[in-house]
Amino acid sequence: MGRKVTLVGFGAFQVMERKAKRGVNPQTREAIQIPAKKVPKFAPGKGLRKKVE
């Protein structure tokens, strides 16, 4: 999908496509269509995971 940016010892960021879906307006309970969009995804690296443990 998108390009990947890796920060050694910290993690990697990548652009992912989120699919369109149906949702509900909580105020009116009316069904709405939520459009597809691109969102960032983060995957922690080995060094960050070890420091968090």
Protein backbone atom coordinates (compact mmCIF):
# COMPACT_ATOMS: atom_id res chain seq x y z
CA MET A 1 0.00 0.00 0.00
CA GLY A 2 2.12 2.92 1.22
CA ARG A 3 5.77 3.52 1.77
CA LYS A 4 7.31 2.37 5.01
CA VAL A 5 9.45 4.58 7.26
CA THR A 6 11.64 2.66 9.71
CA LEU A 7 13.42 4.15 12.72
CA VAL A 8 15.95 1.55 13.83
CA GLY A 9 15.43 0.52 17.46
CA PHE A 10 12.10 2.38 17.68
CA GLY A 11 9.66 1.06 15.08
CA ALA A 12 8.11 1.46 11.66
CA PHE A 13 5.32 3.63 10.28
CA GLN A 14 3.29 2.69 7.23
CA VAL A 15 0.23 4.14 5.46
CA MET A 16 -2.72 1.73 5.39
CA GLU A 17 -6.11 1.98 3.66
CA ARG A 18 -9.13 1.72 5.97
CA LYS A 19 -12.25 0.40 4.21
CA ALA A 20 -15.55 2.30 4.08
CA LYS A 21 -18.10 1.15 6.65
CA ARG A 22 -21.51 1.88 8.06
CA GLY A 23 -21.85 3.65 11.38
CA VAL A 24 -24.51 5.20 13.62
CA ASN A 25 -24.83 8.82 14.69
CA PRO A 26 -25.11 8.48 18.51
CA GLN A 27 -27.28 11.61 18.86
CA THR A 28 -29.92 10.76 16.25
CA ARG A 29 -29.40 6.98 15.90
CA GLU A 30 -29.38 7.59 12.14
CA ALA A 31 -27.27 5.26 9.97
CA ILE A 32 -24.36 7.00 8.26
CA GLN A 33 -21.71 5.95 5.76
CA ILE A 34 -18.11 6.37 6.97
CA PRO A 35 -15.84 6.84 3.93
CA ALA A 36 -12.63 4.93 3.24
CA LYS A 37 -9.44 6.75 4.20
CA LYS A 38 -5.71 6.35 4.63
CA VAL A 39 -4.40 6.07 8.20
CA PRO A 40 -0.92 5.67 9.73
CA LYS A 41 -0.01 2.31 11.24
CA PHE A 42 2.81 1.91 13.77
CA ALA A 43 4.66 -1.33 14.51
CA PRO A 44 7.08 -1.11 17.46
CA GLY A 45 10.63 -2.31 16.89
CA LYS A 46 12.53 -4.86 18.94
CA GLY A 47 14.40 -2.20 20.96
CA LEU A 48 11.20 -0.40 21.99
CA ARG A 49 9.45 -3.64 22.94
CA LYS A 50 12.38 -4.63 25.19
CA LYS A 51 12.38 -1.25 26.98
CA VAL A 52 8.62 -1.45 27.63
CA GLU A 53 8.82 -4.93 29.20
